[in-house]
Amino acid sequence: GVHARGQVVAFRGRKDTDVKAFIVRLNEYLPKDIVIVDGRLAPLSFHPRHSSREKHYRYTIHNHPTRTVLGRKLVWHVKEALDIQAMQRAASLLEGTHDFTSFCAPDKSPASRRERAAEKKN
């Protein structure tokens, strides 16, 4: 499974907003599985998606005959045995920097956002 962490949101408010107090109050209204951990003032030109410099994705497989209770919403449960060597060979093809221009909307993404780099993590 893949799960979002470190998501960034933006809203327009007054310059004199007490950011820390705002976070405390906002967390009182959010569902228990969503929490605001930090906040800061940003220029009006800031956009959470377009201003990001990088994104990280982590995919987790729980490979076991029985499902897991802890973290069950954060993993993909696969009961059957996995061919780890085949998976590693396939994953090695993703390592490096690749051009994903064909996946971008026409004229919507600057060239710098069309490249993606994948690196091996243990």
Foldseek 3Di string as FASTA:
>chain_A
DKDDDPQDDDDDDDPPDPQVVVQVVVQVPDPPVDHDDDDDDDDPPDDRVQPDDDDDIDAAEDADLDQDDPCNVHHHYDPDDDPVVVVVVVVVVQAAKDFQVVVDDPPPDPRVVRIDHDDDDD
